[in-house]
Amino acid sequence: MKIKSLILLSFFVFIIVKANAQQATIGLGPEVSFPSGNWSNISAIGLGGFVKAEIDVSEKFALTAQGSLTSFLGKSFFGAKTPTITYIPVKAGLKYYTSPEFYFEGQMGAVMPLNGKTATSLVLSPGLGAYVNKKGADHKIDVGLRYESWTKSKFNFITFRVAYLFGLLERIFTKN
């Protein structure tokens, strides 16, 4: 029930803010995760991909929503291998731009296992990133680093990600 409430709340926030939005983007890309603590004994690396939507609410702030698919590859110990575990994290958050190319971000949401015996958990995820723009190109590449914590399973990791950004709305809702 908490997950449905969080998703529903995120949806309504996006609809309310959309009327004042000046730009919206969708980012797609791969991510590589490195577990820390006791979980690094179970998996050395996680591989996945994500889709992230962003709607600007002002020059300095944007709302985000992200869905991912991440698999943490199992390790071998004395001939026995821990299983690969796959998760779907769904998060919403707020992004703060310190300049047009650099930002800080915080997201919160839920993570659901596709296999294994872990339960759905709360996700907390602070991060930072920068946009890389080729000279003369209209597109942007978003390079980011975040720390993610799954509260119920006490699973923590650092993720490096790269995204190609697609612009959806370019000042469509701006008042003339």
C-alpha atoms as a PDB file:
ATOM      1  CA  MET A   1       0.000   0.000   0.000  1.00  0.00           C
ATOM      2  CA  LYS A   2       2.846   2.419   0.799  1.00  0.00           C
ATOM      3  CA  ILE A   3       4.384   1.853  -2.639  1.00  0.00           C
ATOM      4  CA  LYS A   4       1.106   2.587  -4.411  1.00  0.00           C
ATOM      5  CA  SER A   5       0.672   5.765  -2.357  1.00  0.00           C
ATOM      6  CA  LEU A   6       4.202   6.933  -3.214  1.00  0.00           C
ATOM      7  CA  ILE A   7       3.699   6.314  -6.935  1.00  0.00           C
ATOM      8  CA  LEU A   8       0.297   8.035  -6.891  1.00  0.00           C
ATOM      9  CA  LEU A   9       1.707  11.050  -5.006  1.00  0.00           C
ATOM     10  CA  SER A  10       4.571  11.352  -7.499  1.00  0.00           C
ATOM     11  CA  PHE A  11       2.121  11.240 -10.412  1.00  0.00           C
ATOM     12  CA  PHE A  12      -0.017  14.063  -8.969  1.00  0.00           C
ATOM     13  CA  VAL A  13       3.014  16.227  -8.188  1.00  0.00           C
ATOM     14  CA  PHE A  14       4.147  15.919 -11.817  1.00  0.00           C
ATOM     15  CA  ILE A  15       0.690  16.878 -13.127  1.00  0.00           C
ATOM     16  CA  ILE A  16       0.429  19.908 -10.829  1.00  0.00           C
ATOM     17  CA  VAL A  17       3.908  21.151 -11.688  1.00  0.00           C
ATOM     18  CA  LYS A  18       3.586  20.458 -15.409  1.00  0.00           C
ATOM     19  CA  ALA A  19       1.593  23.647 -15.954  1.00  0.00           C
ATOM     20  CA  ASN A  20       4.639  25.734 -14.968  1.00  0.00           C
ATOM     21  CA  ALA A  21       7.277  23.497 -16.549  1.00  0.00           C
ATOM     22  CA  GLN A  22       9.630  24.954 -19.122  1.00  0.00           C
ATOM     23  CA  GLN A  23      11.427  21.793 -20.145  1.00  0.00           C
ATOM     24  CA  ALA A  24      11.118  18.045 -19.737  1.00  0.00           C
ATOM     25  CA  THR A  25      13.682  15.385 -20.577  1.00  0.00           C
ATOM     26  CA  ILE A  26      13.942  11.629 -20.637  1.00  0.00           C
ATOM     27  CA  GLY A  27      17.292   9.969 -20.010  1.00  0.00           C
ATOM     28  CA  LEU A  28      18.223   6.389 -20.938  1.00  0.00           C
ATOM     29  CA  GLY A  29      21.403   4.618 -20.092  1.00  0.00           C
ATOM     30  CA  PRO A  30      23.454   1.945 -18.380  1.00  0.00           C
ATOM     31  CA  GLU A  31      24.596   1.911 -14.770  1.00  0.00           C
ATOM     32  CA  VAL A  32      27.263  -0.014 -12.881  1.00  0.00           C
ATOM     33  CA  SER A  33      26.888  -0.560  -9.119  1.00  0.00           C
ATOM     34  CA  PHE A  34      29.483  -1.517  -6.520  1.00  0.00           C
ATOM     35  CA  PRO A  35      28.046  -3.019  -3.278  1.00  0.00           C
ATOM     36  CA  SER A  36      29.588  -2.053   0.057  1.00  0.00           C
ATOM     37  CA  GLY A  37      29.658  -3.613   3.502  1.00  0.00           C
ATOM     38  CA  ASN A  38      28.532  -7.234   3.959  1.00  0.00           C
ATOM     39  CA  TRP A  39      26.775  -7.242   0.581  1.00  0.00           C
ATOM     40  CA  SER A  40      30.146  -6.985  -1.178  1.00  0.00           C
ATOM     41  CA  ASN A  41      30.677 -10.614  -0.052  1.00  0.00           C
ATOM     42  CA  ILE A  42      27.586 -11.655  -2.023  1.00  0.00           C
ATOM     43  CA  SER A  43      28.180  -9.597  -5.165  1.00  0.00           C
ATOM     44  CA  ALA A  44      31.114  -7.585  -6.471  1.00  0.00           C
ATOM     45  CA  ILE A  45      29.167  -5.740  -9.155  1.00  0.00           C
ATOM     46  CA  GLY A  46      25.686  -4.858 -10.301  1.00  0.00           C
ATOM     47  CA  LEU A  47      24.785  -4.120 -13.908  1.00  0.00           C
ATOM     48  CA  GLY A  48      21.619  -2.525 -15.182  1.00  0.00           C
ATOM     49  CA  GLY A  49      19.832   0.157 -17.083  1.00  0.00           C
ATOM     50  CA  PHE A  50      17.441   2.954 -16.264  1.00  0.00           C
ATOM     51  CA  VAL A  51      14.898   5.417 -17.615  1.00  0.00           C
ATOM     52  CA  LYS A  52      14.665   8.793 -15.900  1.00  0.00           C
ATOM     53  CA  ALA A  53      12.170  11.615 -16.477  1.00  0.00           C
ATOM     54  CA  GLU A  54      12.853  15.174 -15.389  1.00  0.00           C
ATOM     55  CA  ILE A  55      10.552  18.201 -15.365  1.00  0.00           C
ATOM     56  CA  ASP A  56      11.982  21.635 -14.624  1.00  0.00           C
ATOM     57  CA  VAL A  57      10.029  23.646 -12.054  1.00  0.00           C
ATOM     58  CA  SER A  58      12.422  26.611 -12.034  1.00  0.00           C
ATOM     59  CA  GLU A  59      15.873  27.537 -13.270  1.00  0.00           C
ATOM     60  CA  LYS A  60      17.501  25.811 -10.269  1.00  0.00           C
ATOM     61  CA  PHE A  61      15.090  22.948  -9.431  1.00  0.00           C
ATOM     62  CA  ALA A  62      13.598  19.951 -11.249  1.00  0.00           C
ATOM     63  CA  LEU A  63      11.432  16.984 -10.254  1.00  0.00           C
ATOM     64  CA  THR A  64      12.610  13.525 -11.267  1.00  0.00           C
ATOM     65  CA  ALA A  65      11.145  10.035 -11.587  1.00  0.00           C
ATOM     66  CA  GLN A  66      13.280   6.975 -12.323  1.00  0.00           C
ATOM     67  CA  GLY A  67      12.777   3.297 -12.988  1.00  0.00           C
ATOM     68  CA  SER A  68      15.670   0.842 -13.176  1.00  0.00           C
ATOM     69  CA  LEU A  69      16.438  -2.808 -13.681  1.00  0.00           C
ATOM     70  CA  THR A  70      19.564  -3.905 -11.802  1.00  0.00           C
ATOM     71  CA  SER A  71      21.135  -7.354 -11.477  1.00  0.00           C
ATOM     72  CA  PHE A  72      23.783  -8.022  -8.837  1.00  0.00           C
ATOM     73  CA  LEU A  73      25.976 -10.846 -10.088  1.00  0.00           C
ATOM     74  CA  GLY A  74      26.666 -13.649  -7.612  1.00  0.00           C
ATOM     75  CA  LYS A  75      30.160 -14.581  -6.398  1.00  0.00           C
ATOM     76  CA  SER A  76      31.773 -18.016  -6.198  1.00  0.00           C
ATOM     77  CA  PHE A  77      33.066 -19.329  -2.875  1.00  0.00           C
ATOM     78  CA  PHE A  78      34.829 -22.701  -2.690  1.00  0.00           C
ATOM     79  CA  GLY A  79      32.916 -24.035  -5.682  1.00  0.00           C
ATOM     80  CA  ALA A  80      29.515 -22.720  -4.553  1.00  0.00           C
ATOM     81  CA  LYS A  81      28.054 -19.668  -6.275  1.00  0.00           C
ATOM     82  CA  THR A  82      25.666 -17.153  -4.751  1.00  0.00           C
ATOM     83  CA  PRO A  83      22.723 -16.480  -7.085  1.00  0.00           C
ATOM     84  CA  THR A  84      22.376 -13.390  -9.241  1.00  0.00           C
ATOM     85  CA  ILE A  85      19.663 -11.182  -7.748  1.00  0.00           C
ATOM     86  CA  THR A  86      17.603  -8.769  -9.878  1.00  0.00           C
ATOM     87  CA  TYR A  87      15.699  -5.737  -8.569  1.00  0.00           C
ATOM     88  CA  ILE A  88      13.440  -3.001  -9.905  1.00  0.00           C
ATOM     89  CA  PRO A  89      13.948   0.304  -8.044  1.00  0.00           C
ATOM     90  CA  VAL A  90      11.334   3.029  -8.653  1.00  0.00           C
ATOM     91  CA  LYS A  91      12.178   6.492  -7.291  1.00  0.00           C
ATOM     92  CA  ALA A  92      11.075  10.125  -7.364  1.00  0.00           C
ATOM     93  CA  GLY A  93      13.145  13.085  -6.299  1.00  0.00           C
ATOM     94  CA  LEU A  94      14.348  16.643  -6.481  1.00  0.00           C
ATOM     95  CA  LYS A  95      17.331  17.931  -8.449  1.00  0.00           C
ATOM     96  CA  TYR A  96      19.158  21.183  -7.594  1.00  0.00           C
ATOM     97  CA  TYR A  97      21.367  22.840 -10.215  1.00  0.00           C
ATOM     98  CA  THR A  98      24.401  24.739  -8.926  1.00  0.00           C
ATOM     99  CA  SER A  99      25.181  25.700 -12.553  1.00  0.00           C
ATOM    100  CA  PRO A 100      23.676  24.735 -15.930  1.00  0.00           C
ATOM    101  CA  GLU A 101      26.129  21.794 -16.127  1.00  0.00           C
ATOM    102  CA  PHE A 102      26.314  20.513 -12.508  1.00  0.00           C
ATOM    103  CA  TYR A 103      23.659  19.290 -10.060  1.00  0.00           C
ATOM    104  CA  PHE A 104      22.933  17.592  -6.750  1.00  0.00           C
ATOM    105  CA  GLU A 105      19.993  15.224  -6.439  1.00  0.00           C
ATOM    106  CA  GLY A 106      18.029  13.326  -3.834  1.00  0.00           C
ATOM    107  CA  GLN A 107      15.584  10.521  -4.587  1.00  0.00           C
ATOM    108  CA  MET A 108      13.345   8.256  -2.548  1.00  0.00           C
ATOM    109  CA  GLY A 109      11.184   5.324  -3.543  1.00  0.00           C
ATOM    110  CA  ALA A 110      10.777   1.573  -3.378  1.00  0.00           C
ATOM    111  CA  VAL A 111      12.767  -1.403  -4.627  1.00  0.00           C
ATOM    112  CA  MET A 112      11.055  -4.653  -5.582  1.00  0.00           C
ATOM    113  CA  PRO A 113      12.920  -7.960  -6.026  1.00  0.00           C
ATOM    114  CA  LEU A 114      12.311 -10.013  -9.165  1.00  0.00           C
ATOM    115  CA  ASN A 115      13.916 -13.094  -7.608  1.00  0.00           C
ATOM    116  CA  GLY A 116      15.274 -14.047  -4.213  1.00  0.00           C
ATOM    117  CA  LYS A 117      13.555 -13.881  -0.866  1.00  0.00           C
ATOM    118  CA  THR A 118      14.080 -10.223   0.046  1.00  0.00           C
ATOM    119  CA  ALA A 119      11.060  -8.003   0.630  1.00  0.00           C
ATOM    120  CA  THR A 120      10.149  -4.673  -0.942  1.00  0.00           C
ATOM    121  CA  SER A 121      12.245  -1.961   0.679  1.00  0.00           C
ATOM    122  CA  LEU A 122      12.482   1.822   0.994  1.00  0.00           C
ATOM    123  CA  VAL A 123      15.214   3.396  -1.180  1.00  0.00           C
ATOM    124  CA  LEU A 124      17.154   6.541  -0.258  1.00  0.00           C
ATOM    125  CA  SER A 125      19.529   7.867  -2.889  1.00  0.00           C
ATOM    126  CA  PRO A 126      21.604  11.097  -2.830  1.00  0.00           C
ATOM    127  CA  GLY A 127      23.821  11.834  -5.805  1.00  0.00           C
ATOM    128  CA  LEU A 128      25.533  14.334  -8.038  1.00  0.00           C
ATOM    129  CA  GLY A 129      26.147  14.687 -11.736  1.00  0.00           C
ATOM    130  CA  ALA A 130      27.208  16.801 -14.673  1.00  0.00           C
ATOM    131  CA  TYR A 131      26.124  17.322 -18.258  1.00  0.00           C
ATOM    132  CA  VAL A 132      28.614  16.798 -21.053  1.00  0.00           C
ATOM    133  CA  ASN A 133      27.730  18.555 -24.273  1.00  0.00           C
ATOM    134  CA  LYS A 134      29.619  18.160 -27.546  1.00  0.00           C
ATOM    135  CA  LYS A 135      30.305  21.461 -29.320  1.00  0.00           C
ATOM    136  CA  GLY A 136      27.544  22.235 -31.775  1.00  0.00           C
ATOM    137  CA  ALA A 137      25.398  19.254 -30.689  1.00  0.00           C
ATOM    138  CA  ASP A 138      21.817  19.620 -29.484  1.00  0.00           C
ATOM    139  CA  HIS A 139      21.901  16.504 -27.303  1.00  0.00           C
ATOM    140  CA  LYS A 140      23.398  16.080 -23.833  1.00  0.00           C
ATOM    141  CA  ILE A 141      25.089  13.263 -21.990  1.00  0.00           C
ATOM    142  CA  ASP A 142      24.390  13.050 -18.233  1.00  0.00           C
ATOM    143  CA  VAL A 143      27.162  11.487 -16.128  1.00  0.00           C
ATOM    144  CA  GLY A 144      26.253  10.782 -12.508  1.00  0.00           C
ATOM    145  CA  LEU A 145      27.369   9.149  -9.286  1.00  0.00           C
ATOM    146  CA  ARG A 146      25.055   8.233  -6.413  1.00  0.00           C
ATOM    147  CA  TYR A 147      25.006   6.388  -3.121  1.00  0.00           C
ATOM    148  CA  GLU A 148      21.973   4.173  -2.682  1.00  0.00           C
ATOM    149  CA  SER A 149      20.634   2.604   0.499  1.00  0.00           C
ATOM    150  CA  TRP A 150      17.864   0.007   0.727  1.00  0.00           C
ATOM    151  CA  THR A 151      16.625   0.211   4.297  1.00  0.00           C
ATOM    152  CA  LYS A 152      14.897  -3.152   4.865  1.00  0.00           C
ATOM    153  CA  SER A 153      17.720  -5.323   3.513  1.00  0.00           C
ATOM    154  CA  LYS A 154      20.492  -2.952   4.715  1.00  0.00           C
ATOM    155  CA  PHE A 155      21.918  -3.048   1.177  1.00  0.00           C
ATOM    156  CA  ASN A 156      24.169  -0.112   0.242  1.00  0.00           C
ATOM    157  CA  PHE A 157      26.101   0.582  -2.924  1.00  0.00           C
ATOM    158  CA  ILE A 158      27.643   3.257  -5.124  1.00  0.00           C
ATOM    159  CA  THR A 159      26.436   3.579  -8.710  1.00  0.00           C
ATOM    160  CA  PHE A 160      28.056   5.197 -11.721  1.00  0.00           C
ATOM    161  CA  ARG A 161      25.687   5.935 -14.592  1.00  0.00           C
ATOM    162  CA  VAL A 162      25.702   7.548 -18.030  1.00  0.00           C
ATOM    163  CA  ALA A 163      22.538   8.707 -19.810  1.00  0.00           C
ATOM    164  CA  TYR A 164      21.645  10.057 -23.204  1.00  0.00           C
ATOM    165  CA  LEU A 165      19.040  12.817 -22.750  1.00  0.00           C
ATOM    166  CA  PHE A 166      16.077  13.377 -25.038  1.00  0.00           C
ATOM    167  CA  GLY A 167      14.295  16.764 -24.783  1.00  0.00           C
ATOM    168  CA  LEU A 168      10.504  16.418 -24.692  1.00  0.00           C
ATOM    169  CA  LEU A 169       9.131  19.884 -24.029  1.00  0.00           C
ATOM    170  CA  GLU A 170      10.980  23.036 -24.957  1.00  0.00           C
ATOM    171  CA  ARG A 171       9.122  25.923 -23.367  1.00  0.00           C
ATOM    172  CA  ILE A 172       5.695  24.708 -24.496  1.00  0.00           C
ATOM    173  CA  PHE A 173       4.046  25.758 -21.261  1.00  0.00           C
ATOM    174  CA  THR A 174       5.773  29.145 -20.917  1.00  0.00           C
ATOM    175  CA  LYS A 175       3.469  32.136 -20.603  1.00  0.00           C
ATOM    176  CA  ASN A 176       3.827  34.714 -23.392  1.00  0.00           C
END
